[in-house]
Amino acid sequence: MAAERPNKPARPAKDNASQGGPERIQKLLARAGIGSRREIEGWMEAGRLLVNGQPVAPGQKATVEDRFELDGKRLEVSGAAEVMRRVLIYNKPEGEVTTRKDPEGRPTVFDRLPRLKEHRWISIGRLDINTTGLVLFTTDGELANRLMHPSNQIDREYAVRIFGEVDDAMIERLLQGVLLEDGMAKFTDISPAGGSGINRWFHVTLLEGRNREVRRLWESQGVRVSRLKRVRYGPIFLPSRLTVGKWEELDQRAVDTLSRTVGLEAVEIPQKTPNEKAAHDRQRRKSPGRSGKKTPGNKWAVSDTKPAKPAGRAPRPERARSKTPRG
């Protein structure tokens, strides 16, 4: 889908640090789209990343003139001189893992994404293999890092089907906080979303993305999650037209909204060449679950403001009308 330009063109963003001297390696590589800061720090700790043939030391700085290697393969970091910020939304099916390569040979969320020549897609957060729904990808490692960092309080909303009896006391406990094996956790909002008896749907919101946190919170109350789907990440909602296994690229307005949410300046989305556009269109047509019918409208549901930090139970942001998932 072609990107829409705002009335006032966004400015390409150049990072002064990249031209003024050395900077922290994880920041430089993230800006080049090599990976998120967290991912890069993992490579450094594991000894997989070399700079000028030497292992990286904690806090080490470098420039785009240095030679970077990951697992013996040369990394191209010239893109760090200028930010390239593109964002995809993807409707993840069950059975895919949110990792670039899986040692067990399972399909990954990256398998269906459009290929890039000089950058690569970075996933913003993860979903476990049995969770479906919204996954964001970007070429900008700094955007990915800020959207995932707990200090920025970016909320995630899920549609969840619960098998078991849910009463008001249980909901209140989940809103107040529950001690899990990795610390206290809670939902900032829980709203009924249909169903009856021991099979009920809820929309839940939380401000962090710990491993299987939604499932573990409900399981701590003696009930079971039978379906789980992420429907929102920050200001970006999963549009109903985006069928399972399909991706779309966010337009300029939506990317700018996402950037402002974490305090980043707008960056103009680069235009695709005719060959790139044709290749991406072919790949989208191959994606399973593509519907031949057009749904009216082609806008993403976005909010122009960062959700406020909750004090106790937080109000849910206004969202597009959608049907409760079935199944």
Protein backbone atom coordinates (compact mmCIF):
# COMPACT_ATOMS: atom_id res chain seq x y z
CA MET A 1 0.00 0.00 0.00
CA ALA A 2 1.42 3.36 -1.00
CA ALA A 3 2.55 5.60 1.82
CA GLU A 4 0.61 8.82 2.34
CA ARG A 5 2.56 12.03 2.81
CA PRO A 6 1.49 14.57 5.42
CA ASN A 7 0.62 18.14 4.43
CA LYS A 8 3.88 19.30 5.96
CA PRO A 9 6.68 17.04 4.70
CA ALA A 10 8.64 15.22 7.37
CA ARG A 11 12.34 15.93 7.50
CA PRO A 12 14.90 13.19 6.94
CA ALA A 13 16.62 12.67 10.26
CA LYS A 14 20.38 12.66 10.47
CA ASP A 15 22.07 11.70 13.68
CA ASN A 16 24.71 14.21 14.71
CA ALA A 17 26.55 11.66 16.83
CA SER A 18 27.33 9.58 13.76
CA GLN A 19 29.15 12.57 12.24
CA GLY A 20 30.66 14.05 15.41
CA GLY A 21 32.61 11.12 16.76
CA PRO A 22 32.36 7.62 18.26
CA GLU A 23 29.15 6.48 19.96
CA ARG A 24 27.95 3.42 21.81
CA ILE A 25 27.99 0.40 19.53
CA GLN A 26 24.45 -0.78 20.26
CA LYS A 27 23.06 2.69 19.43
CA LEU A 28 25.01 2.91 16.17
CA LEU A 29 24.01 -0.57 14.98
CA ALA A 30 20.38 -0.06 16.01
CA ARG A 31 20.17 3.12 13.96
CA ALA A 32 21.62 1.23 10.99
CA GLY A 33 18.74 -1.25 11.29
CA ILE A 34 20.98 -4.18 12.24
CA GLY A 35 18.86 -5.05 15.26
CA SER A 36 17.31 -3.65 18.43
CA ARG A 37 19.60 -2.47 21.22
CA ARG A 38 18.56 -5.40 23.38
CA GLU A 39 19.32 -7.87 20.60
CA ILE A 40 22.71 -6.28 19.91
CA GLU A 41 23.63 -6.34 23.60
CA GLY A 42 22.90 -10.07 23.57
CA TRP A 43 25.32 -10.55 20.67
CA MET A 44 27.97 -8.59 22.57
CA GLU A 45 27.55 -10.65 25.76
CA ALA A 46 27.75 -13.89 23.77
CA GLY A 47 30.96 -12.82 22.01
CA ARG A 48 29.32 -13.01 18.59
CA LEU A 49 30.01 -9.39 17.64
CA LEU A 50 33.52 -8.22 16.65
CA VAL A 51 34.75 -4.71 15.93
CA ASN A 52 37.93 -4.47 13.89
CA GLY A 53 38.50 -8.17 14.58
CA GLN A 54 38.27 -7.86 18.36
CA PRO A 55 35.49 -8.82 20.81
CA VAL A 56 33.42 -5.90 22.03
CA ALA A 57 34.01 -4.59 25.55
CA PRO A 58 31.16 -3.21 27.71
CA GLY A 59 30.52 0.47 26.96
CA GLN A 60 32.75 0.42 23.88
CA LYS A 61 32.19 3.09 21.22
CA ALA A 62 32.76 3.04 17.47
CA THR A 63 32.01 4.89 14.23
CA VAL A 64 30.66 3.88 10.83
CA GLU A 65 34.29 3.71 9.66
CA ASP A 66 34.98 0.68 11.88
CA ARG A 67 34.60 -2.92 10.68
CA PHE A 68 31.77 -4.90 12.28
CA GLU A 69 31.30 -8.66 12.06
CA LEU A 70 28.53 -10.86 13.44
CA ASP A 71 29.31 -14.59 13.54
CA GLY A 72 32.09 -13.95 11.04
CA LYS A 73 29.87 -12.11 8.56
CA ARG A 74 30.59 -8.45 7.70
CA LEU A 75 27.83 -6.01 8.71
CA GLU A 76 26.98 -3.02 6.55
CA VAL A 77 26.59 0.00 8.84
CA SER A 78 26.68 2.93 6.41
CA GLY A 79 22.94 3.32 6.92
CA ALA A 80 23.65 4.64 10.43
CA ALA A 81 24.48 8.03 8.93
CA GLU A 82 20.79 8.57 8.13
CA VAL A 83 17.71 7.03 9.72
CA MET A 84 15.50 4.89 7.49
CA ARG A 85 12.20 4.38 9.30
CA ARG A 86 9.66 2.05 7.77
CA VAL A 87 7.05 0.14 9.77
CA LEU A 88 5.00 -2.95 8.93
CA ILE A 89 2.00 -4.39 10.73
CA TYR A 90 1.55 -8.15 10.54
CA ASN A 91 -1.30 -10.43 11.61
CA LYS A 92 0.57 -13.39 13.09
CA PRO A 93 -1.02 -16.85 12.86
CA GLU A 94 -0.58 -19.64 15.39
CA GLY A 95 2.45 -21.85 14.82
CA GLU A 96 4.95 -19.12 13.91
CA VAL A 97 7.79 -18.09 16.24
CA THR A 98 8.92 -14.48 16.65
CA THR A 99 12.57 -15.06 15.91
CA ARG A 100 14.71 -14.66 12.81
CA LYS A 101 15.86 -18.29 12.71
CA ASP A 102 14.48 -21.24 14.64
CA PRO A 103 16.80 -24.16 15.51
CA GLU A 104 13.80 -26.52 15.34
CA GLY A 105 12.97 -25.44 11.81
CA ARG A 106 9.56 -23.97 12.66
CA PRO A 107 8.17 -21.14 10.50
CA THR A 108 9.00 -17.63 11.69
CA VAL A 109 7.23 -14.31 11.40
CA PHE A 110 10.07 -13.06 9.17
CA ASP A 111 9.46 -15.67 6.48
CA ARG A 112 6.61 -13.73 4.87
CA LEU A 113 7.95 -10.18 5.13
CA PRO A 114 9.18 -8.21 2.09
CA ARG A 115 12.91 -8.47 1.56
CA LEU A 116 15.18 -5.46 1.97
CA LYS A 117 18.58 -4.90 0.35
CA GLU A 118 20.45 -2.65 2.79
CA HIS A 119 18.36 -2.93 5.97
CA ARG A 120 16.42 -5.60 7.76
CA TRP A 121 13.17 -5.83 9.70
CA ILE A 122 13.32 -5.69 13.49
CA SER A 123 10.40 -7.09 15.46
CA ILE A 124 8.92 -4.80 18.11
CA GLY A 125 8.25 -7.20 20.95
CA ARG A 126 7.38 -10.87 20.64
CA LEU A 127 4.36 -13.15 20.66
CA ASP A 128 4.66 -16.77 21.70
CA ILE A 129 3.96 -19.54 19.21
CA ASN A 130 0.32 -19.99 20.27
CA THR A 131 -0.57 -16.27 20.36
CA THR A 132 -1.95 -14.56 17.27
CA GLY A 133 -2.46 -10.99 16.18
CA LEU A 134 -0.55 -7.75 15.82
CA VAL A 135 3.23 -7.68 15.45
CA LEU A 136 5.02 -4.49 14.44
CA PHE A 137 8.27 -4.48 12.46
CA THR A 138 10.56 -1.55 11.70
CA THR A 139 13.87 -0.81 10.00
CA ASP A 140 14.77 1.69 12.75
CA GLY A 141 16.40 0.07 15.76
CA GLU A 142 16.00 3.20 17.92
CA LEU A 143 12.24 3.23 17.33
CA ALA A 144 12.08 -0.48 18.19
CA ASN A 145 14.09 0.03 21.38
CA ARG A 146 11.92 2.90 22.62
CA LEU A 147 8.67 1.08 21.89
CA MET A 148 9.83 -1.97 23.84
CA HIS A 149 11.57 -0.23 26.77
CA PRO A 150 9.52 -0.44 30.00
CA SER A 151 10.28 3.20 30.89
CA ASN A 152 8.16 4.43 27.98
CA GLN A 153 5.02 2.71 29.31
CA ILE A 154 3.67 1.62 25.91
CA ASP A 155 0.49 -0.35 26.49
CA ARG A 156 -0.47 -3.56 24.71
CA GLU A 157 -4.06 -4.73 24.37
CA TYR A 158 -5.15 -8.34 23.93
CA ALA A 159 -8.39 -10.16 23.24
CA VAL A 160 -8.40 -13.24 25.45
CA ARG A 161 -10.84 -16.13 25.86
CA ILE A 162 -10.91 -17.60 29.36
CA PHE A 163 -11.98 -21.13 30.24
CA GLY A 164 -13.17 -21.11 33.84
CA GLU A 165 -15.24 -19.06 36.26
CA VAL A 166 -14.28 -15.38 36.42
CA ASP A 167 -15.77 -13.21 39.17
CA ASP A 168 -15.37 -9.59 40.26
CA ALA A 169 -12.92 -10.48 43.02
CA MET A 170 -10.60 -12.21 40.53
CA ILE A 171 -10.70 -9.20 38.18
CA GLU A 172 -9.90 -6.87 41.07
CA ARG A 173 -6.88 -8.99 42.07
CA LEU A 174 -5.58 -8.92 38.50
CA LEU A 175 -5.91 -5.13 38.44
CA GLN A 176 -4.27 -4.64 41.84
CA GLY A 177 -1.31 -6.92 41.11
CA VAL A 178 -0.27 -10.56 41.39
CA LEU A 179 3.12 -11.92 42.45
CA LEU A 180 4.54 -14.09 39.65
CA GLU A 181 7.85 -15.94 39.66
CA ASP A 182 9.57 -12.93 38.04
CA GLY A 183 7.93 -10.23 40.18
CA MET A 184 4.67 -8.33 40.53
CA ALA A 185 2.45 -8.01 37.45
CA LYS A 186 -1.00 -6.64 36.72
CA PHE A 187 -3.41 -5.58 34.03
CA THR A 188 -4.17 -1.86 33.76
CA ASP A 189 -7.61 -2.58 32.31
CA ILE A 190 -9.96 -5.57 31.97
CA SER A 191 -13.18 -5.25 29.97
CA PRO A 192 -15.77 -7.98 29.23
CA ALA A 193 -16.05 -8.70 25.49
CA GLY A 194 -18.71 -11.39 25.14
CA GLY A 195 -19.29 -15.06 25.79
CA SER A 196 -21.05 -16.71 28.70
CA GLY A 197 -20.62 -19.35 31.37
CA ILE A 198 -17.10 -20.73 31.60
CA ASN A 199 -16.08 -19.48 28.12
CA ARG A 200 -15.86 -15.68 28.20
CA TRP A 201 -13.93 -13.11 26.19
CA PHE A 202 -12.13 -10.13 27.74
CA HIS A 203 -9.98 -7.28 26.46
CA VAL A 204 -6.97 -6.77 28.73
CA THR A 205 -4.24 -4.15 28.71
CA LEU A 206 -0.77 -4.14 30.26
CA LEU A 207 2.27 -1.87 30.11
CA GLU A 208 5.06 -4.38 29.60
CA GLY A 209 5.81 -7.45 27.55
CA ARG A 210 7.27 -10.12 29.82
CA ASN A 211 7.29 -13.68 28.55
CA ARG A 212 3.75 -15.17 28.50
CA GLU A 213 2.64 -12.50 30.98
CA VAL A 214 -1.04 -12.45 29.96
CA ARG A 215 -1.33 -16.22 30.22
CA ARG A 216 0.55 -16.41 33.51
CA LEU A 217 -1.59 -13.72 35.12
CA TRP A 218 -4.83 -15.55 34.33
CA GLU A 219 -3.37 -18.96 35.23
CA SER A 220 -2.37 -17.57 38.64
CA GLN A 221 -6.13 -17.35 39.33
CA GLY A 222 -6.84 -20.98 38.45
CA VAL A 223 -8.36 -20.38 34.99
CA ARG A 224 -6.99 -21.16 31.55
CA VAL A 225 -6.42 -19.02 28.46
CA SER A 226 -7.87 -20.86 25.47
CA ARG A 227 -7.36 -18.09 22.87
CA LEU A 228 -5.09 -15.06 22.89
CA LYS A 229 -4.76 -12.36 20.25
CA ARG A 230 -2.95 -9.01 20.40
CA VAL A 231 -5.14 -6.27 18.94
CA ARG A 232 -3.20 -3.10 19.75
CA TYR A 233 0.36 -1.93 20.41
CA GLY A 234 0.50 1.67 21.65
CA PRO A 235 -1.48 3.83 19.19
CA ILE A 236 -1.62 1.17 16.45
CA PHE A 237 -4.64 -1.15 16.20
CA LEU A 238 -4.86 -4.36 14.18
CA PRO A 239 -7.30 -3.46 11.36
CA SER A 240 -10.10 -5.94 10.72
CA ARG A 241 -9.24 -6.08 6.99
CA LEU A 242 -5.78 -7.51 7.69
CA THR A 243 -6.33 -11.25 7.50
CA VAL A 244 -4.15 -13.85 9.23
CA GLY A 245 -0.68 -14.23 7.70
CA LYS A 246 -0.87 -10.90 5.89
CA TRP A 247 1.16 -7.69 6.30
CA GLU A 248 0.76 -4.03 5.37
CA GLU A 249 3.13 -1.08 5.52
CA LEU A 250 2.10 1.91 7.63
CA ASP A 251 1.69 5.23 5.84
CA GLN A 252 3.52 8.44 6.75
CA ARG A 253 0.85 9.68 9.15
CA ALA A 254 0.76 6.45 11.15
CA VAL A 255 4.57 6.20 11.34
CA ASP A 256 4.78 9.81 12.51
CA THR A 257 2.18 9.11 15.21
CA LEU A 258 4.15 6.08 16.38
CA SER A 259 7.36 8.13 16.43
CA ARG A 260 5.82 10.94 18.47
CA THR A 261 4.56 8.40 21.01
CA VAL A 262 8.18 7.74 22.04
CA GLY A 263 9.57 11.23 21.49
CA LEU A 264 11.26 10.77 18.11
CA GLU A 265 11.22 13.34 15.32
CA ALA A 266 9.41 12.49 12.11
CA VAL A 267 11.40 10.84 9.32
CA GLU A 268 10.23 10.83 5.72
CA ILE A 269 9.44 7.34 4.44
CA PRO A 270 11.58 6.60 1.35
CA GLN A 271 9.74 6.01 -1.90
CA LYS A 272 9.96 2.49 -3.28
CA THR A 273 11.46 1.98 -6.71
CA PRO A 274 9.12 0.40 -9.31
CA ASN A 275 11.03 -2.89 -8.98
CA GLU A 276 10.74 -2.89 -5.19
CA LYS A 277 7.03 -2.10 -5.33
CA ALA A 278 6.40 -4.87 -7.86
CA ALA A 279 8.38 -7.39 -5.79
CA HIS A 280 6.54 -6.46 -2.59
CA ASP A 281 3.16 -6.66 -4.34
CA ARG A 282 4.01 -10.14 -5.63
CA GLN A 283 5.00 -11.28 -2.15
CA ARG A 284 1.80 -9.92 -0.63
CA ARG A 285 -0.28 -11.79 -3.19
CA LYS A 286 1.45 -15.01 -2.16
CA SER A 287 0.62 -14.46 1.52
CA PRO A 288 -2.00 -16.95 2.73
CA GLY A 289 -5.34 -15.74 3.92
CA ARG A 290 -5.50 -12.89 1.44
CA SER A 291 -9.08 -11.95 0.69
CA GLY A 292 -10.17 -11.04 -2.81
CA LYS A 293 -12.73 -8.58 -1.46
CA LYS A 294 -11.85 -5.01 -0.63
CA THR A 295 -13.04 -3.62 2.65
CA PRO A 296 -14.07 0.05 2.72
CA GLY A 297 -11.45 2.48 3.92
CA ASN A 298 -7.70 2.04 4.10
CA LYS A 299 -6.69 3.88 7.25
CA TRP A 300 -5.12 2.53 10.38
CA ALA A 301 -6.82 3.26 13.66
CA VAL A 302 -4.27 5.44 15.43
CA SER A 303 -4.30 7.74 18.42
CA ASP A 304 -2.32 10.98 18.38
CA THR A 305 -1.53 10.94 22.10
CA LYS A 306 0.57 8.69 24.27
CA PRO A 307 -1.59 6.74 26.73
CA ALA A 308 -1.33 8.23 30.21
CA LYS A 309 0.36 6.25 32.93
CA PRO A 310 -2.42 4.64 34.92
CA ALA A 311 -3.11 5.28 38.55
CA GLY A 312 -4.87 2.07 39.56
CA ARG A 313 -7.34 1.08 36.89
CA ALA A 314 -6.66 2.89 33.62
CA PRO A 315 -9.38 3.90 31.14
CA ARG A 316 -9.22 2.07 27.84
CA PRO A 317 -8.37 4.24 24.80
CA GLU A 318 -11.07 4.79 22.23
CA ARG A 319 -10.88 2.00 19.69
CA ALA A 320 -12.48 1.05 16.43
CA ARG A 321 -15.56 -1.15 16.61
CA SER A 322 -14.68 -4.79 16.06
CA LYS A 323 -16.30 -8.11 16.51
CA THR A 324 -15.16 -10.42 19.26
CA PRO A 325 -12.88 -13.08 17.71
CA ARG A 326 -14.57 -16.39 17.20
CA GLY A 327 -13.24 -19.85 17.64
